[in-house]
């Protein structure tokens, strides 16, 4: 049996009394430091949300800008499929012949 399935199975039937017992044990272990732990946890969550918001704003801002890439994809020579139309290149101006 997979270890992660076994671990998840242990926590599947936790009732209210088990939660209370776990809370009492945590209170005994972290009693004096519990407010400090809660404060630092709250600060961490706030910082994480700020970072997530900054990333979302950056993505939205960058998505609004036109991309600098004006070139279209062109497959290497000899790899075009038979059904694909060839890509035409713009004609270069011809130089007048010197006579």
N, C-alpha and C. Protein backbone atom coordinates (compact mmCIF):
# COMPACT_ATOMS: atom_id res chain seq x y z
N UNK A 1 0.85 -1.18 0.00
CA UNK A 1 0.00 0.00 0.00
C UNK A 1 0.89 1.24 0.00
N UNK A 2 0.48 2.24 -0.73
CA UNK A 2 1.23 3.48 -0.84
C UNK A 2 1.24 4.21 0.52
N UNK A 3 2.41 4.73 0.91
CA UNK A 3 2.55 5.38 2.22
C UNK A 3 1.68 6.63 2.32
N UNK A 4 1.55 7.42 1.24
CA UNK A 4 0.75 8.64 1.31
C UNK A 4 -0.73 8.31 1.49
N UNK A 5 -1.20 7.23 0.91
CA UNK A 5 -2.60 6.83 1.09
C UNK A 5 -2.83 6.41 2.53
N UNK A 6 -1.89 5.70 3.12
CA UNK A 6 -2.00 5.28 4.51
C UNK A 6 -2.01 6.49 5.44
N UNK A 7 -1.15 7.47 5.18
CA UNK A 7 -1.10 8.67 6.01
C UNK A 7 -2.40 9.44 5.93
N UNK A 8 -2.93 9.62 4.73
CA UNK A 8 -4.19 10.34 4.58
C UNK A 8 -5.34 9.57 5.24
N UNK A 9 -5.27 8.27 5.23
CA UNK A 9 -6.30 7.47 5.87
C UNK A 9 -6.33 7.66 7.38
N UNK A 10 -5.20 7.96 7.98
CA UNK A 10 -5.15 8.17 9.42
C UNK A 10 -5.91 9.44 9.83
N UNK A 11 -5.91 10.46 8.99
CA UNK A 11 -6.55 11.72 9.32
C UNK A 11 -7.97 11.84 8.78
N UNK A 12 -8.46 10.79 8.17
CA UNK A 12 -9.78 10.86 7.55
C UNK A 12 -10.90 10.92 8.59
N UNK A 13 -10.77 10.24 9.70
CA UNK A 13 -11.86 10.16 10.68
C UNK A 13 -11.55 10.91 11.96
N UNK A 14 -10.95 12.09 11.87
CA UNK A 14 -10.68 12.89 13.07
C UNK A 14 -11.98 13.55 13.49
N UNK A 15 -12.34 13.35 14.74
CA UNK A 15 -13.56 13.94 15.27
C UNK A 15 -13.26 15.16 16.12
N UNK A 16 -14.30 15.76 16.69
CA UNK A 16 -14.10 16.97 17.48
C UNK A 16 -13.26 16.75 18.75
N UNK A 17 -13.39 15.57 19.37
CA UNK A 17 -12.61 15.31 20.59
C UNK A 17 -11.12 15.20 20.27
N UNK A 18 -10.79 14.59 19.15
CA UNK A 18 -9.39 14.48 18.77
C UNK A 18 -8.80 15.86 18.48
N UNK A 19 -9.57 16.73 17.85
CA UNK A 19 -9.11 18.09 17.56
C UNK A 19 -8.87 18.84 18.87
N UNK A 20 -9.77 18.68 19.85
CA UNK A 20 -9.61 19.34 21.14
C UNK A 20 -8.35 18.85 21.84
N UNK A 21 -8.10 17.54 21.81
CA UNK A 21 -6.91 16.98 22.45
C UNK A 21 -5.65 17.51 21.77
N UNK A 22 -5.64 17.58 20.46
CA UNK A 22 -4.48 18.11 19.73
C UNK A 22 -4.26 19.58 20.09
N UNK A 23 -5.34 20.35 20.21
CA UNK A 23 -5.24 21.77 20.57
C UNK A 23 -4.68 21.93 21.98
N UNK A 24 -5.10 21.08 22.93
CA UNK A 24 -4.60 21.16 24.30
C UNK A 24 -3.11 20.82 24.33
N UNK A 25 -2.70 19.80 23.61
CA UNK A 25 -1.28 19.43 23.56
C UNK A 25 -0.47 20.56 22.95
N UNK A 26 -0.97 21.18 21.88
CA UNK A 26 -0.27 22.31 21.25
C UNK A 26 -0.18 23.48 22.22
N UNK A 27 -1.24 23.71 22.98
CA UNK A 27 -1.23 24.80 23.97
C UNK A 27 -0.21 24.53 25.06
N UNK A 28 -0.09 23.27 25.50
CA UNK A 28 0.90 22.93 26.51
C UNK A 28 2.33 23.08 25.98
N UNK A 29 2.54 22.70 24.72
CA UNK A 29 3.88 22.77 24.14
C UNK A 29 4.28 24.20 23.80
N UNK A 30 3.36 24.96 23.23
CA UNK A 30 3.69 26.30 22.74
C UNK A 30 3.04 27.40 23.57
N UNK A 31 2.56 27.10 24.76
CA UNK A 31 1.79 28.02 25.59
C UNK A 31 2.24 29.47 25.59
N UNK A 32 3.45 29.73 26.03
CA UNK A 32 3.92 31.11 26.12
C UNK A 32 4.27 31.69 24.77
N UNK A 33 4.67 30.84 23.86
CA UNK A 33 5.09 31.34 22.54
C UNK A 33 3.95 31.35 21.53
N UNK A 34 2.79 30.88 21.90
CA UNK A 34 1.68 30.77 20.95
C UNK A 34 1.27 32.12 20.35
N UNK A 35 1.15 33.20 21.12
CA UNK A 35 0.82 34.48 20.48
C UNK A 35 1.90 34.93 19.49
N UNK A 36 3.16 34.69 19.84
CA UNK A 36 4.26 35.05 18.93
C UNK A 36 4.20 34.22 17.65
N UNK A 37 3.92 32.93 17.80
CA UNK A 37 3.80 32.05 16.63
C UNK A 37 2.65 32.51 15.75
N UNK A 38 1.52 32.84 16.37
CA UNK A 38 0.36 33.31 15.60
C UNK A 38 0.64 34.61 14.87
N UNK A 39 1.34 35.52 15.54
CA UNK A 39 1.69 36.81 14.93
C UNK A 39 2.60 36.61 13.73
N UNK A 40 3.63 35.78 13.90
CA UNK A 40 4.56 35.57 12.79
C UNK A 40 3.88 34.82 11.64
N UNK A 41 2.98 33.91 11.97
CA UNK A 41 2.23 33.21 10.93
C UNK A 41 1.34 34.18 10.16
N UNK A 42 0.69 35.09 10.89
CA UNK A 42 -0.14 36.10 10.24
C UNK A 42 0.66 37.02 9.34
N UNK A 43 1.85 37.45 9.80
CA UNK A 43 2.72 38.30 8.98
C UNK A 43 3.16 37.55 7.72
N UNK A 44 3.46 36.29 7.88
CA UNK A 44 3.87 35.50 6.72
C UNK A 44 2.77 35.39 5.69
N UNK A 45 1.54 35.19 6.15
CA UNK A 45 0.40 35.10 5.23
C UNK A 45 0.19 36.43 4.51
N UNK A 46 0.30 37.55 5.25
CA UNK A 46 0.12 38.88 4.64
C UNK A 46 1.20 39.11 3.58
N UNK A 47 2.45 38.77 3.88
CA UNK A 47 3.54 38.95 2.92
C UNK A 47 3.32 38.09 1.68
N UNK A 48 2.84 36.86 1.88
CA UNK A 48 2.59 35.97 0.76
C UNK A 48 1.50 36.55 -0.14
N UNK A 49 0.44 37.09 0.46
CA UNK A 49 -0.64 37.68 -0.33
C UNK A 49 -0.17 38.91 -1.09
N UNK A 50 0.70 39.73 -0.46
CA UNK A 50 1.25 40.90 -1.15
C UNK A 50 2.08 40.47 -2.35
N UNK A 51 2.91 39.47 -2.16
CA UNK A 51 3.73 38.97 -3.27
C UNK A 51 2.88 38.41 -4.39
N UNK A 52 1.84 37.69 -4.04
CA UNK A 52 0.95 37.13 -5.04
C UNK A 52 0.25 38.23 -5.82
N UNK A 53 -0.17 39.27 -5.12
CA UNK A 53 -0.84 40.40 -5.77
C UNK A 53 0.13 41.12 -6.71
N UNK A 54 1.39 41.31 -6.27
CA UNK A 54 2.39 41.95 -7.12
C UNK A 54 2.63 41.15 -8.40
N UNK A 55 2.71 39.83 -8.26
CA UNK A 55 2.92 38.98 -9.43
C UNK A 55 1.74 39.08 -10.38
N UNK A 56 0.51 39.06 -9.85
CA UNK A 56 -0.67 39.18 -10.70
C UNK A 56 -0.69 40.52 -11.43
N UNK A 57 -0.35 41.60 -10.74
CA UNK A 57 -0.32 42.92 -11.38
C UNK A 57 0.74 42.97 -12.47
N UNK A 58 1.89 42.37 -12.22
CA UNK A 58 2.96 42.35 -13.21
C UNK A 58 2.53 41.58 -14.45
N UNK A 59 1.89 40.44 -14.25
CA UNK A 59 1.42 39.63 -15.38
C UNK A 59 0.38 40.39 -16.19
N UNK A 60 -0.55 41.06 -15.50
CA UNK A 60 -1.57 41.83 -16.22
C UNK A 60 -0.94 43.00 -16.97
N UNK A 61 0.02 43.67 -16.33
CA UNK A 61 0.66 44.81 -16.96
C UNK A 61 1.47 44.37 -18.18
N UNK A 62 2.19 43.27 -18.05
CA UNK A 62 3.00 42.77 -19.17
C UNK A 62 2.11 42.21 -20.27
N UNK A 63 0.94 41.70 -19.92
CA UNK A 63 0.02 41.17 -20.92
C UNK A 63 -0.60 42.26 -21.77
N UNK A 64 -0.69 43.48 -21.23
CA UNK A 64 -1.27 44.59 -21.97
C UNK A 64 -0.28 45.18 -22.98
N UNK A 65 1.01 45.01 -22.74
CA UNK A 65 2.02 45.56 -23.64
C UNK A 65 2.10 44.73 -24.91
N UNK A 66 2.29 45.39 -26.05
CA UNK A 66 2.51 44.60 -27.26
C UNK A 66 3.88 43.95 -27.20
N UNK A 67 3.96 42.77 -27.73
CA UNK A 67 5.25 42.07 -27.68
C UNK A 67 6.18 42.69 -28.72
N UNK A 68 7.44 42.70 -28.45
CA UNK A 68 8.43 43.26 -29.35
C UNK A 68 8.75 42.34 -30.51
N UNK A 69 8.25 41.12 -30.47
CA UNK A 69 8.53 40.14 -31.51
C UNK A 69 7.58 40.37 -32.67
N UNK A 70 8.10 40.88 -33.79
CA UNK A 70 7.26 41.09 -34.97
C UNK A 70 7.51 40.02 -36.01
N UNK A 71 8.36 39.07 -35.70
CA UNK A 71 8.68 38.02 -36.64
C UNK A 71 7.73 36.85 -36.45
N UNK A 72 7.34 36.23 -37.55
CA UNK A 72 6.49 35.06 -37.46
C UNK A 72 7.37 33.81 -37.52
N UNK A 73 6.83 32.73 -37.04
CA UNK A 73 7.58 31.48 -37.02
C UNK A 73 7.75 30.98 -38.45
N UNK A 74 8.94 30.54 -38.75
CA UNK A 74 9.22 29.99 -40.07
C UNK A 74 10.02 28.72 -39.86
N UNK A 75 9.48 27.57 -40.28
CA UNK A 75 10.21 26.31 -40.05
C UNK A 75 11.49 26.27 -40.87
N UNK A 76 12.45 25.47 -40.46
CA UNK A 76 13.70 25.34 -41.21
C UNK A 76 13.45 24.85 -42.63
N UNK A 77 14.35 25.15 -43.54
CA UNK A 77 14.20 24.76 -44.94
C UNK A 77 14.09 23.25 -45.07
N UNK A 78 13.23 22.81 -45.95
CA UNK A 78 13.08 21.38 -46.21
C UNK A 78 12.17 20.67 -45.25
N UNK A 79 11.58 21.36 -44.27
CA UNK A 79 10.71 20.69 -43.31
C UNK A 79 9.25 21.08 -43.49
N UNK A 80 8.91 21.88 -44.51
CA UNK A 80 7.52 22.26 -44.72
C UNK A 80 6.73 21.03 -45.15
N UNK A 81 5.52 20.96 -44.69
CA UNK A 81 4.67 19.84 -45.12
C UNK A 81 4.11 20.16 -46.49
N UNK A 82 3.61 19.16 -47.17
CA UNK A 82 3.10 19.36 -48.52
C UNK A 82 1.83 20.19 -48.53
N UNK A 83 1.08 20.16 -47.43
CA UNK A 83 -0.18 20.90 -47.39
C UNK A 83 0.02 22.35 -46.97
N UNK A 84 1.18 22.67 -46.45
CA UNK A 84 1.43 24.02 -45.96
C UNK A 84 1.90 24.90 -47.11
N UNK A 85 1.32 26.08 -47.20
CA UNK A 85 1.73 27.01 -48.24
C UNK A 85 3.10 27.56 -47.89
N UNK A 86 3.95 27.75 -48.90
CA UNK A 86 5.28 28.29 -48.61
C UNK A 86 5.20 29.73 -48.13
N UNK A 87 6.13 30.08 -47.28
CA UNK A 87 6.18 31.43 -46.75
C UNK A 87 6.92 32.30 -47.74
N UNK A 88 6.27 33.38 -48.15
CA UNK A 88 6.90 34.26 -49.12
C UNK A 88 7.75 35.29 -48.39
N UNK A 89 8.92 35.55 -48.92
CA UNK A 89 9.78 36.57 -48.35
C UNK A 89 9.61 37.83 -49.19
N UNK A 90 9.71 38.99 -48.56
CA UNK A 90 9.56 40.21 -49.34
C UNK A 90 10.68 40.33 -50.37
N UNK A 91 10.31 40.80 -51.54
CA UNK A 91 11.30 40.95 -52.62
C UNK A 91 12.24 42.08 -52.28
N UNK A 92 13.51 41.85 -52.51
CA UNK A 92 14.49 42.89 -52.25
C UNK A 92 14.60 43.74 -53.52
N UNK A 93 14.78 45.04 -53.34
CA UNK A 93 14.88 45.89 -54.54
C UNK A 93 16.10 45.51 -55.38
N UNK A 94 15.86 45.42 -56.64
CA UNK A 94 16.98 45.05 -57.52
C UNK A 94 17.84 46.27 -57.80
N UNK A 95 19.10 46.04 -57.93
CA UNK A 95 20.01 47.13 -58.18
C UNK A 95 20.11 47.33 -59.70
N UNK A 96 20.15 48.56 -60.12
CA UNK A 96 20.26 48.77 -61.58
C UNK A 96 21.60 48.25 -62.09
N UNK A 97 21.53 47.65 -63.25
CA UNK A 97 22.76 47.10 -63.81
C UNK A 97 23.62 48.24 -64.34
N UNK A 98 24.90 48.07 -64.17
CA UNK A 98 25.82 49.11 -64.62
C UNK A 98 26.27 48.79 -66.04
N UNK A 99 25.88 49.60 -66.98
CA UNK A 99 26.25 49.36 -68.36
C UNK A 99 27.06 50.49 -68.92
